[in-house]
Amino acid sequence: MKTFLRSLAVTALVLVAAPMARASRPFLCCDYGGDKVCIVSTDGKIAWQYDCKHPQDCWKLPNGNILFCFVSGALEVTPTQEKKIVWEYKAPDKVEVHACQPLTDGKVMIVECGSSRIIEVDRAGKIAKEIKLATAPEIKLHNQFRGTRKLANGTYRVCFKGEGKIVDVDADGKVLRALSVPGDPHGAITLPDGHLIVTCGDGHKVIEFDAEGKSVWELNENDLPGNTLRLMAGCHRLPGGNTVFCNYLGHGHLGEQPQFFELTPGKKVVWQFDDHAHFKDINQIMILDVPGDVTKGEVWR
């Protein structure tokens, strides 16, 4: 009996130490430090998981498959128990991949640190287009680029992480516009009205700019009680105007607070996710219960 009671006590301690958080919305996420990409259901359970080293960007495609990139390449995988790889890109040696995007023609856009380039990869895994990027020589490989997106007009919007700027380039790599931002930007999300949301990494800040580059909304380090801004990484603007922000908790803040939160334009937190038993530092997210074709730019992340 004593052994049985001790067993119950241990079980209770485990349950207290590792609760499963509820999720108000289903979502797809990258857990950079946890080395996995996951789909999480509304009850907070991991419904699907793919292990890979340091994932940085993720998408649910119209066909239901999951596209994501990680430090050494990118994959498209079926969301099934078999986790069948249906498309793959392997980056060269001494290169890091930190952003990807599905395109309308079936290709995948990828940005590479080290090779300093944007590439578009076809369904056979071959490079169909290459755009060279000019980086400052003092910027180390890991700090060159983060969130990069191809826009509807055919240009590319790149987060020059280590140089603290958002740069628009054309298909030949010519710089069209550069916007300086505080910190080391990780995300630059273009909205239908031309506004731009920039997550400023270790600048502990988020800024929304209008089409002319003027700041029209800011979220600062200590604006949200209980949600001190750490490294601001990925985000997803929802159709109703709220935004889900990933508050990356690496760099000494693991386990201290929620890993992401949904915020109104008035800076009210309506939902937050806090599950340190199963996730380390969520850095990218896609909410799955909102409409939109990611290949057509209808999902704003």
Protein backbone atom coordinates (compact mmCIF):
# COMPACT_ATOMS: atom_id res chain seq x y z
CA MET A 1 0.00 0.00 0.00
CA LYS A 2 2.82 2.41 0.90
CA THR A 3 4.50 1.67 -2.43
CA PHE A 4 1.21 2.32 -4.24
CA LEU A 5 0.71 5.63 -2.42
CA ARG A 6 4.26 6.72 -3.21
CA SER A 7 3.60 5.87 -6.86
CA LEU A 8 0.46 8.01 -6.83
CA ALA A 9 2.35 10.87 -5.26
CA VAL A 10 5.08 10.73 -7.92
CA THR A 11 2.47 10.63 -10.67
CA ALA A 12 0.71 13.66 -9.18
CA LEU A 13 4.00 15.57 -9.05
CA VAL A 14 4.67 14.80 -12.70
CA LEU A 15 1.21 16.01 -13.68
CA VAL A 16 1.67 19.24 -11.74
CA ALA A 17 5.13 19.82 -13.19
CA ALA A 18 4.12 19.20 -16.80
CA PRO A 19 0.56 20.36 -17.49
CA MET A 20 -0.76 20.48 -21.04
CA ALA A 21 -1.77 24.03 -21.92
CA ARG A 22 -5.06 24.66 -23.67
CA ALA A 23 -4.95 26.40 -27.03
CA SER A 24 -7.79 28.72 -28.00
CA ARG A 25 -6.89 28.15 -31.64
CA PRO A 26 -5.21 25.31 -33.52
CA PHE A 27 -1.78 26.30 -34.77
CA LEU A 28 1.37 25.24 -36.58
CA CYS A 29 4.65 26.31 -35.02
CA CYS A 30 8.42 26.07 -35.07
CA ASP A 31 10.12 25.32 -31.76
CA TYR A 32 13.65 26.47 -32.55
CA GLY A 33 15.37 25.27 -29.37
CA GLY A 34 13.14 22.21 -29.17
CA ASP A 35 14.17 21.18 -32.70
CA LYS A 36 10.68 20.41 -33.93
CA VAL A 37 7.76 21.59 -36.05
CA CYS A 38 4.33 20.87 -34.55
CA ILE A 39 0.62 21.09 -35.19
CA VAL A 40 -1.20 21.78 -31.93
CA SER A 41 -4.95 21.21 -31.55
CA THR A 42 -7.36 23.41 -29.60
CA ASP A 43 -7.04 21.17 -26.54
CA GLY A 44 -3.32 21.93 -26.42
CA LYS A 45 -2.17 18.49 -27.58
CA ILE A 46 0.55 17.99 -30.15
CA ALA A 47 -1.35 16.42 -33.04
CA TRP A 48 1.66 16.12 -35.35
CA GLN A 49 5.39 16.58 -34.90
CA TYR A 50 8.43 16.55 -37.16
CA ASP A 51 11.89 16.67 -35.62
CA CYS A 52 14.53 18.82 -37.33
CA LYS A 53 17.38 21.07 -36.27
CA HIS A 54 16.46 24.69 -35.52
CA PRO A 55 13.32 25.26 -37.67
CA GLN A 56 12.71 28.89 -38.63
CA ASP A 57 9.60 29.17 -40.84
CA CYS A 58 6.49 27.06 -41.44
CA TRP A 59 3.35 26.96 -43.59
CA LYS A 60 0.30 24.76 -44.01
CA LEU A 61 -0.27 24.44 -47.75
CA PRO A 62 -3.64 24.32 -49.54
CA ASN A 63 -3.11 20.57 -50.13
CA GLY A 64 -2.75 20.06 -46.37
CA ASN A 65 0.97 19.37 -46.41
CA ILE A 66 3.39 21.19 -44.14
CA LEU A 67 6.23 23.24 -45.62
CA PHE A 68 9.03 24.36 -43.32
CA CYS A 69 12.68 25.29 -43.34
CA PHE A 70 15.37 24.48 -40.82
CA VAL A 71 19.07 25.19 -40.48
CA SER A 72 20.21 22.99 -43.39
CA GLY A 73 17.31 23.08 -45.84
CA ALA A 74 13.57 22.85 -46.35
CA LEU A 75 10.95 20.11 -46.55
CA GLU A 76 7.34 19.57 -47.56
CA VAL A 77 5.90 16.73 -45.49
CA THR A 78 2.48 15.08 -45.30
CA PRO A 79 0.64 15.77 -42.00
CA THR A 80 0.15 12.06 -41.44
CA GLN A 81 1.66 9.50 -39.13
CA GLU A 82 3.94 8.39 -41.99
CA LYS A 83 5.31 11.95 -42.43
CA LYS A 84 6.12 11.34 -46.06
CA ILE A 85 8.60 13.79 -47.59
CA VAL A 86 7.14 14.97 -50.92
CA TRP A 87 9.63 17.78 -51.63
CA GLU A 88 13.09 18.61 -50.31
CA TYR A 89 15.86 21.17 -50.65
CA LYS A 90 19.28 20.57 -49.13
CA ALA A 91 21.38 23.67 -48.56
CA PRO A 92 25.12 23.71 -49.34
CA ASP A 93 27.69 23.31 -46.58
CA LYS A 94 28.39 26.38 -44.40
CA VAL A 95 24.94 27.78 -45.18
CA GLU A 96 21.95 28.39 -42.90
CA VAL A 97 18.33 28.61 -44.04
CA HIS A 98 16.14 30.96 -42.02
CA ALA A 99 13.07 31.69 -44.17
CA CYS A 100 10.91 29.99 -46.79
CA GLN A 101 7.70 30.78 -48.65
CA PRO A 102 5.43 28.75 -50.97
CA LEU A 103 4.81 30.47 -54.32
CA THR A 104 1.85 30.32 -56.69
CA ASP A 105 3.70 28.33 -59.34
CA GLY A 106 4.64 25.54 -56.92
CA LYS A 107 8.17 26.77 -56.36
CA VAL A 108 9.51 27.58 -52.89
CA MET A 109 11.39 30.77 -52.10
CA ILE A 110 14.30 30.35 -49.67
CA VAL A 111 16.79 32.82 -48.21
CA GLU A 112 20.27 31.56 -47.31
CA CYS A 113 22.80 32.95 -44.89
CA GLY A 114 26.38 32.27 -45.90
CA SER A 115 25.69 32.14 -49.63
CA SER A 116 23.88 35.50 -49.24
CA ARG A 117 21.13 34.81 -51.71
CA ILE A 118 17.43 34.32 -52.33
CA ILE A 119 16.58 31.29 -54.40
CA GLU A 120 13.42 29.86 -55.91
CA VAL A 121 13.45 26.07 -55.94
CA ASP A 122 11.25 24.05 -58.30
CA ARG A 123 9.36 20.84 -57.59
CA ALA A 124 12.36 18.75 -58.60
CA GLY A 125 14.46 20.45 -55.92
CA LYS A 126 16.46 22.41 -58.49
CA ILE A 127 17.24 26.14 -58.27
CA ALA A 128 15.14 27.95 -60.87
CA LYS A 129 16.11 31.50 -59.86
CA GLU A 130 18.88 33.09 -57.79
CA ILE A 131 19.04 36.65 -56.45
CA LYS A 132 22.32 37.68 -54.83
CA LEU A 133 22.18 39.84 -51.71
CA ALA A 134 24.92 42.29 -50.66
CA THR A 135 25.76 41.97 -46.97
CA ALA A 136 28.14 43.95 -44.79
CA PRO A 137 31.41 41.96 -44.41
CA GLU A 138 31.44 42.25 -40.61
CA ILE A 139 28.08 40.48 -40.23
CA LYS A 140 28.57 36.86 -39.22
CA LEU A 141 26.81 34.12 -41.18
CA HIS A 142 24.14 33.36 -38.57
CA ASN A 143 23.13 37.03 -38.32
CA GLN A 144 22.70 37.87 -42.00
CA PHE A 145 18.99 37.32 -42.74
CA ARG A 146 15.66 36.29 -41.27
CA GLY A 147 12.06 36.69 -42.44
CA THR A 148 12.00 37.14 -46.23
CA ARG A 149 8.95 37.28 -48.49
CA LYS A 150 8.25 37.59 -52.19
CA LEU A 151 5.60 40.25 -52.75
CA ALA A 152 2.75 40.23 -55.27
CA ASN A 153 4.64 42.66 -57.53
CA GLY A 154 7.57 40.26 -57.87
CA THR A 155 9.96 42.07 -55.55
CA TYR A 156 11.44 40.61 -52.37
CA ARG A 157 11.32 42.01 -48.84
CA VAL A 158 14.27 40.89 -46.71
CA CYS A 159 15.08 41.23 -43.01
CA PHE A 160 18.78 42.11 -42.84
CA LYS A 161 18.99 40.91 -39.24
CA GLY A 162 22.53 41.95 -38.37
CA GLU A 163 22.28 45.30 -40.15
CA GLY A 164 18.99 46.36 -38.54
CA LYS A 165 17.06 47.08 -41.71
CA ILE A 166 14.30 45.88 -44.03
CA VAL A 167 15.38 45.91 -47.66
CA ASP A 168 13.28 45.58 -50.82
CA VAL A 169 15.12 44.19 -53.86
CA ASP A 170 14.03 43.44 -57.39
CA ALA A 171 14.56 40.20 -59.31
CA ASP A 172 18.15 41.25 -60.11
CA GLY A 173 19.00 42.05 -56.49
CA LYS A 174 18.89 45.81 -57.01
CA VAL A 175 17.95 47.65 -53.81
CA LEU A 176 14.66 49.50 -54.21
CA ARG A 177 14.16 50.67 -50.63
CA ALA A 178 15.80 50.25 -47.24
CA LEU A 179 14.06 50.92 -43.94
CA SER A 180 16.16 51.10 -40.77
CA VAL A 181 14.59 49.59 -37.64
CA PRO A 182 15.75 49.18 -34.03
CA GLY A 183 17.24 45.84 -33.05
CA ASP A 184 17.70 42.86 -35.37
CA PRO A 185 14.51 42.33 -37.38
CA HIS A 186 13.12 38.78 -37.62
CA GLY A 187 9.82 39.39 -39.42
CA ALA A 188 8.50 41.89 -41.98
CA ILE A 189 4.83 41.16 -42.72
CA THR A 190 3.21 43.05 -45.58
CA LEU A 191 -0.52 43.70 -45.18
CA PRO A 192 -3.13 44.26 -47.92
CA ASP A 193 -3.28 48.01 -47.17
CA GLY A 194 0.47 48.36 -47.72
CA HIS A 195 1.29 48.53 -44.03
CA LEU A 196 4.30 46.62 -42.75
CA ILE A 197 4.64 44.87 -39.36
CA VAL A 198 8.24 44.48 -38.24
CA THR A 199 9.25 42.33 -35.27
CA CYS A 200 12.53 43.76 -34.05
CA GLY A 201 14.15 40.72 -32.44
CA ASP A 202 16.34 41.69 -29.49
CA GLY A 203 15.23 45.29 -29.97
CA HIS A 204 12.31 44.15 -27.73
CA LYS A 205 9.85 45.97 -29.95
CA VAL A 206 7.26 45.65 -32.73
CA ILE A 207 6.51 48.46 -35.16
CA GLU A 208 3.75 48.82 -37.76
CA PHE A 209 4.68 51.19 -40.58
CA ASP A 210 2.35 52.71 -43.16
CA ALA A 211 3.06 52.49 -46.88
CA GLU A 212 5.33 55.56 -46.68
CA GLY A 213 7.45 54.07 -43.88
CA LYS A 214 5.96 56.11 -41.03
CA SER A 215 5.42 54.37 -37.69
CA VAL A 216 1.68 54.15 -36.94
CA TRP A 217 1.68 51.61 -34.09
CA GLU A 218 4.29 50.30 -31.67
CA LEU A 219 4.54 47.60 -29.03
CA ASN A 220 7.31 48.25 -26.55
CA GLU A 221 9.23 46.09 -24.12
CA ASN A 222 7.12 46.69 -21.02
CA ASP A 223 3.71 47.53 -22.52
CA LEU A 224 2.13 44.19 -21.52
CA PRO A 225 2.13 43.11 -17.85
CA GLY A 226 3.37 39.53 -17.64
CA ASN A 227 4.55 39.57 -21.26
CA THR A 228 7.83 41.45 -21.25
CA LEU A 229 9.05 41.52 -24.84
CA ARG A 230 12.12 39.33 -25.25
CA LEU A 231 13.28 38.47 -28.77
CA MET A 232 10.30 39.28 -30.99
CA ALA A 233 10.30 36.73 -33.80
CA GLY A 234 7.41 35.47 -35.94
CA CYS A 235 3.88 36.84 -36.05
CA HIS A 236 0.56 36.27 -37.80
CA ARG A 237 -1.90 39.11 -38.43
CA LEU A 238 -5.43 37.72 -38.23
CA PRO A 239 -8.35 38.84 -40.45
CA GLY A 240 -10.11 40.65 -37.56
CA GLY A 241 -7.09 42.86 -36.86
CA ASN A 242 -5.57 41.01 -33.91
CA THR A 243 -2.00 39.74 -34.20
CA VAL A 244 -0.33 36.68 -32.72
CA PHE A 245 3.27 37.42 -31.68
CA CYS A 246 5.97 34.88 -30.87
CA ASN A 247 8.00 36.00 -27.85
CA TYR A 248 11.15 33.90 -28.30
CA LEU A 249 12.42 32.93 -24.86
CA GLY A 250 15.95 31.86 -25.74
CA HIS A 251 18.95 33.90 -24.65
CA GLY A 252 18.31 33.23 -20.98
CA HIS A 253 14.52 33.41 -20.61
CA LEU A 254 13.36 29.81 -21.05
CA GLY A 255 10.32 28.96 -18.93
CA GLU A 256 9.77 32.47 -17.63
CA GLN A 257 6.53 33.49 -19.40
CA PRO A 258 4.13 32.70 -22.28
CA GLN A 259 5.70 31.68 -25.57
CA PHE A 260 3.24 33.64 -27.68
CA PHE A 261 0.12 35.76 -27.31
CA GLU A 262 -2.76 37.16 -29.38
CA LEU A 263 -3.03 40.92 -29.08
CA THR A 264 -5.71 43.44 -30.07
CA PRO A 265 -4.74 46.74 -31.74
CA GLY A 266 -5.49 48.30 -28.34
CA LYS A 267 -2.81 46.05 -26.77
CA LYS A 268 -5.16 43.74 -24.89
CA VAL A 269 -4.02 40.13 -24.61
CA VAL A 270 -6.98 37.93 -25.53
CA TRP A 271 -5.13 34.61 -25.55
CA GLN A 272 -1.68 33.38 -24.66
CA PHE A 273 0.10 30.03 -24.81
CA ASP A 274 2.32 28.84 -21.99
CA ASP A 275 3.55 25.23 -22.23
CA HIS A 276 7.12 24.86 -21.05
CA ALA A 277 6.79 21.12 -20.56
CA HIS A 278 6.47 20.44 -24.29
CA PHE A 279 7.99 23.51 -25.97
CA LYS A 280 11.15 25.53 -25.45
CA ASP A 281 11.17 28.69 -27.54
CA ILE A 282 8.47 29.00 -30.19
CA ASN A 283 9.76 31.38 -32.85
CA GLN A 284 7.27 31.06 -35.73
CA ILE A 285 3.54 30.43 -35.86
CA MET A 286 0.66 30.01 -38.26
CA ILE A 287 -2.88 30.00 -36.86
CA LEU A 288 -4.86 27.27 -38.62
CA ASP A 289 -8.51 28.26 -38.14
CA VAL A 290 -8.44 31.31 -40.42
CA PRO A 291 -9.08 31.23 -44.19
CA GLY A 292 -6.56 32.04 -46.88
CA ASP A 293 -4.34 30.49 -49.53
CA VAL A 294 -0.72 30.90 -48.44
CA THR A 295 0.54 30.63 -52.02
CA LYS A 296 -1.49 33.73 -52.97
CA GLY A 297 -0.40 35.91 -50.05
CA GLU A 298 -3.76 35.58 -48.30
CA VAL A 299 -2.19 34.59 -44.96
CA TRP A 300 -0.30 37.48 -43.39
CA ARG A 301 2.73 36.06 -41.66
